[in-house]
N, C-alpha and C. Protein backbone atom coordinates (compact mmCIF):
# COMPACT_ATOMS: atom_id res chain seq x y z
N MET A 1 74.99 135.12 -47.48
CA MET A 1 73.88 135.95 -47.80
C MET A 1 72.66 134.92 -48.39
N LYS A 2 73.35 134.04 -49.46
CA LYS A 2 72.55 133.26 -50.24
C LYS A 2 71.79 132.37 -49.03
N ALA A 3 72.66 131.72 -47.92
CA ALA A 3 72.22 130.76 -47.00
C ALA A 3 71.17 131.56 -46.22
N VAL A 4 71.28 132.80 -45.68
CA VAL A 4 70.22 133.51 -45.12
C VAL A 4 68.92 133.89 -45.64
N ILE A 5 69.23 134.16 -47.13
CA ILE A 5 67.99 134.08 -47.97
C ILE A 5 67.11 132.82 -47.87
N GLN A 6 67.79 131.63 -48.03
CA GLN A 6 67.30 130.31 -48.25
C GLN A 6 66.52 129.91 -46.90
N TYR A 7 67.25 130.38 -45.66
CA TYR A 7 66.60 130.09 -44.55
C TYR A 7 65.20 131.02 -44.30
N LEU A 8 65.40 132.11 -44.63
CA LEU A 8 64.23 133.22 -44.44
C LEU A 8 63.33 132.55 -45.46
N ASN A 9 63.45 132.17 -46.60
CA ASN A 9 62.37 131.88 -47.43
C ASN A 9 61.85 130.60 -46.94
N ARG A 10 62.51 129.58 -46.13
CA ARG A 10 61.45 128.33 -45.55
C ARG A 10 60.60 129.04 -44.52
N ILE A 11 61.28 130.04 -43.65
CA ILE A 11 60.51 130.82 -42.67
C ILE A 11 59.05 131.20 -43.08
N VAL A 12 59.44 132.09 -44.22
CA VAL A 12 58.23 132.82 -44.51
C VAL A 12 57.20 131.83 -45.67
N ALA A 13 57.67 130.99 -45.97
CA ALA A 13 57.03 129.98 -46.62
C ALA A 13 56.06 129.11 -45.43
N ALA A 14 56.49 128.87 -44.48
CA ALA A 14 56.05 127.97 -43.36
C ALA A 14 54.81 128.85 -42.77
N GLY A 15 55.35 130.30 -42.25
CA GLY A 15 54.09 130.70 -41.56
C GLY A 15 53.83 132.00 -41.74
N LEU A 16 54.49 132.81 -42.38
CA LEU A 16 54.18 134.16 -42.29
C LEU A 16 52.76 134.33 -43.15
N ALA A 17 52.76 134.04 -44.34
CA ALA A 17 51.55 133.71 -45.04
C ALA A 17 50.20 133.56 -44.21
N SER A 18 50.38 132.54 -43.37
CA SER A 18 49.20 132.24 -42.73
C SER A 18 48.94 133.22 -41.32
N VAL A 19 49.88 133.67 -40.90
CA VAL A 19 49.59 134.76 -39.89
C VAL A 19 49.11 136.07 -40.64
N LEU A 20 49.69 136.35 -41.75
CA LEU A 20 49.15 137.56 -42.52
C LEU A 20 47.79 137.77 -42.58
N PHE A 21 47.65 136.60 -43.44
CA PHE A 21 46.19 136.62 -44.27
C PHE A 21 44.98 136.17 -43.29
N SER A 22 45.60 135.80 -42.04
CA SER A 22 44.21 135.30 -41.31
C SER A 22 43.82 136.42 -40.23
N LEU A 23 44.64 137.52 -40.38
CA LEU A 23 44.24 138.67 -39.54
C LEU A 23 43.32 139.61 -39.89
N PRO A 24 42.26 139.92 -39.32
CA PRO A 24 41.29 140.77 -39.71
C PRO A 24 41.72 142.26 -39.93
N LEU A 25 41.13 142.63 -40.97
CA LEU A 25 41.24 144.30 -41.60
C LEU A 25 41.16 145.08 -40.61
N GLY A 26 40.19 145.03 -39.72
CA GLY A 26 39.94 146.06 -38.77
C GLY A 26 40.62 146.11 -37.53
N ALA A 27 40.90 147.04 -36.51
CA ALA A 27 41.36 147.19 -35.37
C ALA A 27 40.83 148.35 -34.75
N GLU A 28 40.81 148.23 -33.26
CA GLU A 28 40.24 149.34 -32.37
C GLU A 28 40.51 150.27 -32.56
N GLY A 29 39.99 151.77 -32.29
CA GLY A 29 40.47 152.98 -32.45
C GLY A 29 39.33 153.64 -33.26
N SER A 30 38.26 154.54 -32.71
CA SER A 30 37.51 154.92 -33.53
C SER A 30 37.76 156.06 -34.51
N ARG A 31 38.48 156.86 -34.25
CA ARG A 31 38.94 157.95 -34.93
C ARG A 31 39.89 157.03 -36.33
N LEU A 32 40.99 156.17 -35.93
CA LEU A 32 41.45 155.47 -37.12
C LEU A 32 40.28 154.74 -38.00
N ASP A 33 39.37 154.06 -37.24
CA ASP A 33 38.14 153.28 -38.11
C ASP A 33 37.63 154.33 -38.96
N THR A 34 37.07 155.42 -38.87
CA THR A 34 36.68 156.57 -39.68
C THR A 34 37.78 156.93 -40.33
N LEU A 35 38.76 157.08 -40.15
CA LEU A 35 39.99 157.27 -41.43
C LEU A 35 40.06 156.36 -42.46
N PHE A 36 39.88 155.10 -41.87
CA PHE A 36 40.25 154.05 -42.78
C PHE A 36 38.87 153.99 -43.72
N SER A 37 37.73 154.21 -43.14
CA SER A 37 36.75 154.12 -44.00
C SER A 37 36.66 155.23 -44.81
N GLU A 38 37.24 156.14 -44.25
CA GLU A 38 37.01 157.33 -45.80
C GLU A 38 38.29 157.08 -46.42
N LEU A 39 39.36 156.40 -46.11
CA LEU A 39 40.35 156.35 -47.50
C LEU A 39 40.09 155.14 -48.30
N SER A 40 39.19 154.23 -47.88
CA SER A 40 38.71 153.32 -48.67
C SER A 40 37.72 153.73 -49.89
N GLN A 41 37.36 154.84 -49.89
CA GLN A 41 36.22 155.31 -50.43
C GLN A 41 36.74 156.89 -51.42
N ALA A 42 37.72 157.16 -50.70
CA ALA A 42 38.38 158.62 -51.30
C ALA A 42 38.83 158.67 -52.63
N ASP A 43 38.91 159.70 -53.33
CA ASP A 43 39.56 159.79 -54.52
C ASP A 43 41.11 159.73 -54.32
N PRO A 44 41.95 160.06 -55.31
CA PRO A 44 43.24 159.90 -55.24
C PRO A 44 43.95 161.10 -54.06
N LYS A 45 43.45 162.31 -54.51
CA LYS A 45 43.82 163.43 -53.86
C LYS A 45 43.36 163.28 -52.41
N GLU A 46 42.41 162.91 -52.24
CA GLU A 46 41.80 162.85 -50.70
C GLU A 46 42.47 161.97 -50.10
N ALA A 47 42.72 160.94 -50.85
CA ALA A 47 43.57 159.48 -50.15
C ALA A 47 44.80 160.09 -49.54
N ARG A 48 45.50 160.60 -50.34
CA ARG A 48 46.57 161.12 -49.93
C ARG A 48 46.63 162.01 -48.42
N ARG A 49 45.49 163.02 -48.47
CA ARG A 49 45.26 163.46 -46.91
C ARG A 49 44.93 162.80 -45.87
N ILE A 50 44.32 161.83 -46.50
CA ILE A 50 43.68 160.77 -45.37
C ILE A 50 44.98 159.82 -44.95
N ALA A 51 45.66 159.63 -45.58
CA ALA A 51 46.88 158.28 -45.50
C ALA A 51 47.62 159.19 -44.48
N ALA A 52 47.93 160.68 -45.06
CA ALA A 52 48.93 161.73 -43.58
C ALA A 52 48.33 161.76 -42.55
N GLU A 53 46.87 161.60 -42.58
CA GLU A 53 46.44 161.80 -41.06
C GLU A 53 46.46 160.51 -40.21
N ILE A 54 46.30 159.42 -41.11
CA ILE A 54 46.42 157.96 -40.44
C ILE A 54 48.02 157.95 -39.89
N GLU A 55 48.90 158.59 -40.45
CA GLU A 55 50.30 158.24 -40.31
C GLU A 55 50.72 159.32 -38.98
N MET A 56 50.04 160.23 -39.07
CA MET A 56 50.22 161.17 -37.83
C MET A 56 49.48 160.30 -36.71
N GLU A 57 48.32 160.02 -36.66
CA GLU A 57 48.27 159.21 -35.93
C GLU A 57 48.89 158.10 -35.19
N TRP A 58 49.37 157.17 -36.23
CA TRP A 58 50.22 156.03 -36.18
C TRP A 58 51.65 156.56 -35.30
N ALA A 59 52.13 157.85 -35.65
CA ALA A 59 53.34 158.25 -35.07
C ALA A 59 52.93 158.76 -33.48
N ARG A 60 51.53 158.83 -33.13
CA ARG A 60 51.33 159.33 -31.60
C ARG A 60 51.40 158.14 -30.64
N SER A 61 52.63 157.99 -29.83
CA SER A 61 52.21 157.07 -28.92
C SER A 61 51.68 157.02 -27.58
N GLY A 62 51.37 158.51 -27.38
CA GLY A 62 50.61 158.79 -26.30
C GLY A 62 51.73 159.41 -25.03
N SER A 63 53.07 159.22 -25.28
CA SER A 63 53.99 159.65 -24.63
C SER A 63 55.01 160.47 -25.42
N PRO A 64 55.27 161.58 -24.79
CA PRO A 64 56.15 162.64 -25.52
C PRO A 64 57.75 162.19 -25.58
N ALA A 65 58.11 161.46 -24.67
CA ALA A 65 59.22 160.92 -24.60
C ALA A 65 59.47 159.67 -25.81
N MET A 66 58.59 158.87 -25.94
CA MET A 66 58.39 158.14 -27.23
C MET A 66 57.93 158.66 -28.44
N ASP A 67 57.57 159.60 -28.52
CA ASP A 67 57.54 160.35 -29.61
C ASP A 67 58.65 160.79 -30.32
N LEU A 68 59.22 161.45 -29.11
CA LEU A 68 60.63 161.98 -29.43
C LEU A 68 61.73 161.06 -29.66
N LEU A 69 61.59 159.66 -29.37
CA LEU A 69 62.83 158.67 -29.76
C LEU A 69 62.05 158.30 -30.93
N LEU A 70 60.91 158.32 -31.48
CA LEU A 70 60.45 158.10 -32.90
C LEU A 70 60.89 159.01 -33.92
N ARG A 71 60.55 160.19 -33.74
CA ARG A 71 61.38 161.06 -34.42
C ARG A 71 62.86 161.43 -34.66
N ARG A 72 63.78 160.93 -33.81
CA ARG A 72 64.73 160.68 -33.68
C ARG A 72 65.30 159.50 -34.73
N GLY A 73 64.80 158.72 -34.23
CA GLY A 73 64.64 157.24 -35.22
C GLY A 73 64.75 157.64 -36.57
N GLU A 74 63.40 158.48 -36.96
CA GLU A 74 63.15 158.64 -38.04
C GLU A 74 64.23 159.67 -38.93
N ASP A 75 64.53 160.63 -38.03
CA ASP A 75 65.55 161.53 -38.63
C ASP A 75 66.79 160.86 -38.99
N ALA A 76 67.21 159.87 -38.23
CA ALA A 76 68.48 159.00 -38.19
C ALA A 76 68.44 158.06 -39.49
N LEU A 77 67.00 157.63 -39.84
CA LEU A 77 66.62 156.65 -40.82
C LEU A 77 66.94 157.58 -42.13
N GLU A 78 66.34 158.69 -42.24
CA GLU A 78 66.34 159.71 -43.39
C GLU A 78 67.95 160.28 -43.56
N ALA A 79 68.50 160.31 -42.32
CA ALA A 79 70.07 160.65 -42.50
C ALA A 79 70.96 159.50 -43.22
N GLY A 80 70.42 158.25 -43.09
CA GLY A 80 71.17 157.22 -43.60
C GLY A 80 72.08 156.75 -42.43
N ASP A 81 71.76 157.15 -41.19
CA ASP A 81 72.41 156.71 -39.99
C ASP A 81 71.75 155.48 -39.50
N LEU A 82 71.71 154.15 -40.18
CA LEU A 82 70.83 153.18 -39.60
C LEU A 82 71.09 152.58 -38.47
N ALA A 83 72.52 152.59 -37.80
CA ALA A 83 72.74 151.88 -36.49
C ALA A 83 72.10 152.95 -35.53
N MET A 84 72.03 154.32 -35.79
CA MET A 84 71.61 155.12 -34.96
C MET A 84 69.77 155.16 -34.93
N ALA A 85 69.49 154.94 -35.99
CA ALA A 85 68.06 154.68 -36.22
C ALA A 85 67.33 153.31 -35.19
N VAL A 86 68.33 152.29 -35.45
CA VAL A 86 68.02 151.29 -35.01
C VAL A 86 67.96 151.20 -33.27
N GLU A 87 68.86 152.20 -32.94
CA GLU A 87 69.27 152.32 -31.50
C GLU A 87 67.94 153.30 -31.02
N HIS A 88 67.93 154.19 -31.71
CA HIS A 88 66.53 155.03 -31.05
C HIS A 88 65.03 154.47 -31.10
N LEU A 89 65.11 153.59 -32.02
CA LEU A 89 63.90 152.81 -32.16
C LEU A 89 63.78 151.73 -31.36
N SER A 90 64.65 151.28 -31.08
CA SER A 90 64.92 149.83 -30.36
C SER A 90 64.35 150.65 -28.47
N ALA A 91 64.99 151.55 -28.41
CA ALA A 91 64.63 152.25 -27.05
C ALA A 91 63.26 152.63 -26.96
N ALA A 92 62.45 152.99 -28.18
CA ALA A 92 61.04 153.54 -27.99
C ALA A 92 60.37 152.15 -28.02
N ILE A 93 60.80 151.23 -28.47
CA ILE A 93 60.24 149.73 -28.30
C ILE A 93 60.22 148.96 -27.02
N ASP A 94 61.60 149.15 -26.41
CA ASP A 94 61.81 148.83 -25.05
C ASP A 94 60.96 149.21 -24.16
N HIS A 95 60.47 150.71 -24.32
CA HIS A 95 59.52 151.57 -23.27
C HIS A 95 58.25 151.41 -23.68
N ALA A 96 57.98 151.15 -25.08
CA ALA A 96 56.46 151.17 -25.50
C ALA A 96 56.40 150.22 -26.56
N PRO A 97 56.47 148.94 -25.92
CA PRO A 97 56.28 147.49 -27.22
C PRO A 97 54.98 147.66 -27.69
N ASP A 98 53.98 148.26 -27.20
CA ASP A 98 52.99 148.57 -28.33
C ASP A 98 53.02 149.33 -29.61
N PHE A 99 53.95 150.14 -29.46
CA PHE A 99 53.97 151.40 -30.30
C PHE A 99 54.31 150.93 -31.83
N ALA A 100 53.32 150.46 -32.40
CA ALA A 100 53.58 150.03 -34.10
C ALA A 100 54.15 150.73 -34.72
N GLU A 101 54.45 151.94 -34.76
CA GLU A 101 55.06 153.05 -35.63
C GLU A 101 56.68 152.88 -35.32
N ALA A 102 56.93 152.51 -34.33
CA ALA A 102 58.24 152.22 -33.70
C ALA A 102 58.73 150.80 -34.46
N TRP A 103 58.05 149.75 -34.33
CA TRP A 103 58.36 148.53 -35.37
C TRP A 103 58.58 148.51 -36.66
N HIS A 104 57.54 149.65 -37.03
CA HIS A 104 57.59 149.79 -38.53
C HIS A 104 58.88 150.52 -38.95
N LEU A 105 59.32 151.36 -38.42
CA LEU A 105 60.25 152.01 -38.72
C LEU A 105 61.70 151.41 -38.58
N ARG A 106 61.44 150.66 -37.45
CA ARG A 106 62.87 149.67 -37.22
C ARG A 106 62.65 148.82 -38.31
N SER A 107 61.71 148.24 -38.63
CA SER A 107 61.67 147.30 -39.83
C SER A 107 62.57 147.72 -41.15
N ILE A 108 62.28 148.94 -41.58
CA ILE A 108 62.90 149.80 -42.58
C ILE A 108 64.37 149.63 -42.45
N ALA A 109 64.65 150.02 -41.16
CA ALA A 109 66.31 149.96 -40.59
C ALA A 109 67.12 149.10 -41.07
N PHE A 110 66.31 147.78 -40.77
CA PHE A 110 66.89 146.43 -40.53
C PHE A 110 66.81 145.91 -42.14
N PHE A 111 65.63 146.34 -42.84
CA PHE A 111 65.51 146.11 -44.08
C PHE A 111 66.85 146.88 -45.14
N ARG A 112 67.02 147.95 -44.67
CA ARG A 112 68.05 148.74 -45.32
C ARG A 112 69.61 148.35 -45.00
N GLN A 113 69.51 147.85 -43.68
CA GLN A 113 70.98 146.88 -43.55
C GLN A 113 70.90 145.52 -43.85
N GLU A 114 70.04 145.37 -44.90
CA GLU A 114 70.03 143.84 -45.09
C GLU A 114 70.08 142.86 -44.19
N ARG A 115 69.26 143.02 -42.76
CA ARG A 115 69.16 142.16 -41.81
C ARG A 115 67.53 141.64 -42.00
N PHE A 116 67.65 140.85 -43.22
CA PHE A 116 65.94 140.81 -43.46
C PHE A 116 65.00 139.99 -42.34
N GLY A 117 65.76 138.81 -41.69
CA GLY A 117 64.87 138.25 -40.52
C GLY A 117 64.49 139.29 -39.48
N LEU A 118 65.13 140.10 -38.86
CA LEU A 118 65.02 141.17 -38.01
C LEU A 118 64.03 141.79 -38.62
N ALA A 119 64.14 142.24 -39.92
CA ALA A 119 62.90 143.38 -40.57
C ALA A 119 61.35 142.66 -40.79
N LEU A 120 61.79 141.31 -40.88
CA LEU A 120 60.53 140.24 -41.23
C LEU A 120 59.86 140.29 -39.80
N ARG A 121 60.69 140.14 -38.75
CA ARG A 121 59.94 139.98 -37.65
C ARG A 121 59.49 141.07 -36.79
N ASP A 122 59.94 142.24 -37.35
CA ASP A 122 59.50 143.40 -36.86
C ASP A 122 58.17 144.04 -37.68
N ILE A 123 58.06 143.42 -38.70
CA ILE A 123 57.00 143.66 -39.68
C ILE A 123 55.77 142.68 -39.22
N GLU A 124 56.20 141.66 -38.96
CA GLU A 124 55.03 140.69 -38.03
C GLU A 124 54.50 141.24 -36.85
N ARG A 125 55.33 141.83 -35.91
CA ARG A 125 54.52 142.85 -34.47
C ARG A 125 54.04 143.89 -35.29
N VAL A 126 54.54 144.44 -36.39
CA VAL A 126 53.45 145.66 -36.89
C VAL A 126 51.88 145.41 -36.70
N ILE A 127 52.08 144.38 -37.94
CA ILE A 127 50.97 143.71 -38.32
C ILE A 127 49.65 143.34 -37.16
N ALA A 128 50.65 142.56 -36.32
CA ALA A 128 50.06 142.07 -35.11
C ALA A 128 49.18 143.16 -34.41
N LEU A 129 49.87 144.54 -34.33
CA LEU A 129 49.52 145.73 -33.33
C LEU A 129 48.55 146.35 -34.33
N GLU A 130 48.64 146.27 -35.71
CA GLU A 130 47.91 146.91 -36.12
C GLU A 130 47.57 146.45 -37.93
N PRO A 131 46.62 145.49 -37.96
CA PRO A 131 46.45 144.89 -39.28
C PRO A 131 46.13 145.84 -40.29
N ARG A 132 45.80 146.91 -40.18
CA ARG A 132 45.65 147.72 -41.35
C ARG A 132 46.96 148.74 -41.95
N HIS A 133 47.78 148.24 -41.08
CA HIS A 133 49.08 149.46 -41.33
C HIS A 133 49.26 149.05 -42.96
N PHE A 134 48.94 149.76 -43.81
CA PHE A 134 49.29 149.51 -45.13
C PHE A 134 50.84 149.93 -45.33
N ASN A 135 51.49 150.61 -44.94
CA ASN A 135 52.67 150.99 -45.12
C ASN A 135 53.65 149.67 -44.63
N ALA A 136 53.31 149.03 -43.38
CA ALA A 136 54.10 147.81 -43.14
C ALA A 136 53.79 146.77 -43.95
N ILE A 137 52.60 146.42 -44.47
CA ILE A 137 52.18 145.37 -45.51
C ILE A 137 52.72 145.48 -46.76
N PHE A 138 52.65 146.88 -47.29
CA PHE A 138 53.60 146.97 -48.26
C PHE A 138 54.95 146.65 -48.30
N GLY A 139 55.40 146.99 -46.95
CA GLY A 139 57.00 146.60 -46.81
C GLY A 139 57.42 145.20 -46.95
N LEU A 140 56.13 144.49 -46.34
CA LEU A 140 56.17 143.18 -46.38
C LEU A 140 56.29 142.62 -47.90
N GLY A 141 55.30 143.02 -48.35
CA GLY A 141 55.46 142.84 -50.03
C GLY A 141 56.77 143.11 -50.76
N VAL A 142 57.37 144.10 -50.20
CA VAL A 142 58.78 144.40 -50.78
C VAL A 142 59.79 143.51 -50.35
N LEU A 143 60.09 142.76 -49.30
CA LEU A 143 60.71 142.45 -48.48
C LEU A 143 60.61 140.78 -48.98
N LEU A 144 59.54 140.22 -49.23
CA LEU A 144 58.83 139.20 -49.84
C LEU A 144 59.38 139.06 -51.28
N ASP A 145 59.47 140.03 -52.05
CA ASP A 145 59.99 140.02 -53.41
C ASP A 145 61.20 140.11 -53.38
N GLU A 146 61.92 140.58 -52.45
CA GLU A 146 63.70 140.45 -52.42
C GLU A 146 64.02 139.23 -52.01
N LEU A 147 63.19 138.43 -51.20
CA LEU A 147 63.60 136.89 -50.71
C LEU A 147 63.34 136.13 -52.01
N GLY A 148 62.59 136.54 -52.88
CA GLY A 148 62.40 135.42 -54.18
C GLY A 148 61.08 134.92 -53.97
N LYS A 149 60.23 135.59 -53.47
CA LYS A 149 58.62 134.92 -53.21
C LYS A 149 57.58 135.89 -53.66
N PRO A 150 57.71 136.17 -54.97
CA PRO A 150 56.58 137.03 -55.64
C PRO A 150 55.37 136.64 -55.32
N ALA A 151 55.04 135.59 -55.19
CA ALA A 151 53.71 135.26 -55.24
C ALA A 151 52.82 135.50 -53.92
N LEU A 152 53.89 135.29 -52.91
CA LEU A 152 53.71 135.79 -51.24
C LEU A 152 53.69 137.49 -51.36
N ALA A 153 54.47 138.25 -52.02
CA ALA A 153 54.70 139.38 -52.02
C ALA A 153 53.42 139.96 -52.77
N ARG A 154 53.17 139.23 -53.79
CA ARG A 154 51.86 139.99 -54.70
C ARG A 154 50.54 139.80 -53.55
N GLU A 155 50.34 139.13 -53.14
CA GLU A 155 49.20 138.68 -51.73
C GLU A 155 49.37 140.07 -50.75
N ALA A 156 50.63 140.15 -50.43
CA ALA A 156 50.68 141.14 -49.22
C ALA A 156 50.39 142.46 -50.20
N LEU A 157 50.72 142.81 -51.33
CA LEU A 157 50.57 143.90 -52.05
C LEU A 157 49.19 144.21 -52.26
N LEU A 158 48.28 143.17 -52.70
CA LEU A 158 47.19 143.30 -52.75
C LEU A 158 46.54 143.45 -51.77
N ARG A 159 47.00 143.11 -50.53
CA ARG A 159 46.05 143.28 -49.37
C ARG A 159 46.30 144.99 -48.58
N ALA A 160 47.53 145.17 -48.84
CA ALA A 160 47.72 146.67 -48.53
C ALA A 160 47.18 147.72 -49.90
N GLN A 161 46.80 147.22 -50.90
CA GLN A 161 46.08 147.93 -51.64
C GLN A 161 44.83 147.94 -51.71
N ALA A 162 44.07 146.93 -50.94
CA ALA A 162 42.88 146.67 -50.66
C ALA A 162 42.64 147.63 -49.43
N ILE A 163 43.37 147.86 -48.53
CA ILE A 163 43.37 149.17 -47.31
C ILE A 163 43.26 150.49 -48.04
N HIS A 164 44.66 150.71 -48.79
CA HIS A 164 44.85 151.86 -49.45
C HIS A 164 44.70 151.77 -51.00
N PRO A 165 43.67 151.98 -51.70
CA PRO A 165 43.81 151.87 -53.06
C PRO A 165 44.43 152.72 -53.77
N HIS A 166 44.72 153.95 -53.35
CA HIS A 166 45.48 154.88 -54.21
C HIS A 166 46.88 155.03 -53.81
N HIS A 167 47.64 154.20 -52.96
CA HIS A 167 49.00 154.18 -52.55
C HIS A 167 50.09 154.13 -53.66
N GLU A 168 50.50 155.20 -54.41
CA GLU A 168 51.40 155.09 -55.45
C GLU A 168 52.20 154.08 -55.53
N GLU A 169 53.04 153.93 -54.30
CA GLU A 169 54.22 152.68 -54.67
C GLU A 169 53.71 151.43 -54.54
N ILE A 170 52.61 151.08 -53.79
CA ILE A 170 51.85 149.68 -54.03
C ILE A 170 51.56 149.37 -55.46
N GLY A 171 50.96 150.07 -56.11
CA GLY A 171 50.59 150.06 -57.40
C GLY A 171 51.77 149.88 -58.41
N THR A 172 52.99 150.50 -58.23
CA THR A 172 54.10 150.11 -58.75
C THR A 172 54.91 148.92 -58.62
N VAL A 173 54.71 148.73 -57.60
CA VAL A 173 55.92 147.53 -57.42
C VAL A 173 54.75 146.34 -57.30
N LEU A 174 53.41 146.33 -56.94
CA LEU A 174 52.68 145.16 -57.53
C LEU A 174 52.54 144.82 -59.17
N GLU A 175 52.74 146.16 -59.63
CA GLU A 175 52.69 145.84 -61.50
C GLU A 175 54.03 145.10 -61.66
N ARG A 176 55.11 145.57 -61.06
CA ARG A 176 56.31 144.85 -61.22
C ARG A 176 56.60 143.32 -61.03
N VAL A 177 55.98 143.22 -59.54
CA VAL A 177 55.77 141.78 -59.14
C VAL A 177 54.79 140.60 -60.15
N SER A 178 53.62 141.60 -60.59
CA SER A 178 52.56 140.72 -61.46
C SER A 178 53.41 140.37 -62.89
N ARG A 179 54.32 141.35 -63.27
CA ARG A 179 54.95 140.82 -64.62
C ARG A 179 55.73 139.76 -64.21
N GLU A 180 56.61 139.75 -63.06
CA GLU A 180 57.72 138.65 -62.65
C GLU A 180 57.07 137.56 -62.56
N LEU A 181 55.61 137.34 -62.45
CA LEU A 181 54.89 136.09 -62.49
C LEU A 181 54.47 136.01 -63.45
N GLY A 182 54.59 136.75 -64.47
CA GLY A 182 53.72 136.18 -65.86
C GLY A 182 52.45 136.32 -65.88
N GLY A 183 51.96 137.25 -65.05
CA GLY A 183 50.49 137.61 -65.07
C GLY A 183 50.13 139.15 -65.83
N ALA A 184 49.00 139.57 -66.00
CA ALA A 184 48.56 141.04 -66.30
C ALA A 184 48.84 141.59 -65.56
N THR A 185 49.41 143.00 -66.03
CA THR A 185 49.47 144.22 -64.88
C THR A 185 48.27 144.83 -64.64
N LEU A 186 48.22 145.34 -63.53
CA LEU A 186 46.88 145.91 -63.05
C LEU A 186 46.71 147.26 -63.56
């Protein structure tokens, strides 16, 4: 396990930060553009509602079959059946490789399986497809912290927070990571 983490540390240090932080904050899609604009200006209660709408948009692939695979993968993930979650989500990705939310949920399954390299690869794909995916960027921060990269984790968390200022989990993890770095809490 230690060798895997050391290997992943080198990968992360070498390239991920430059890939993530060179991406634009915007992406195509007028409905999502409007929702993201509203999210950045919303109060905490309204932000929760807007974020839920964004997440519902992300869960729509445009194909009922792919949406079903996503729901089955999500159900398996919630039930703790990580192998089944990976199976359903991989099937969705195979048939709809631009379906960012399938990549995102599979990254969570891989993370829970401690398959950090695969989780990282899937997160990179999510961010390439939807650079504003605050949940994936948050997940990247958590993964980087797990891999012993708190400075990079903090950068990812700050980016996620810039997109969704009222995301409760981001603030909690960001405060902990900032303390790890010896900085002031936010």
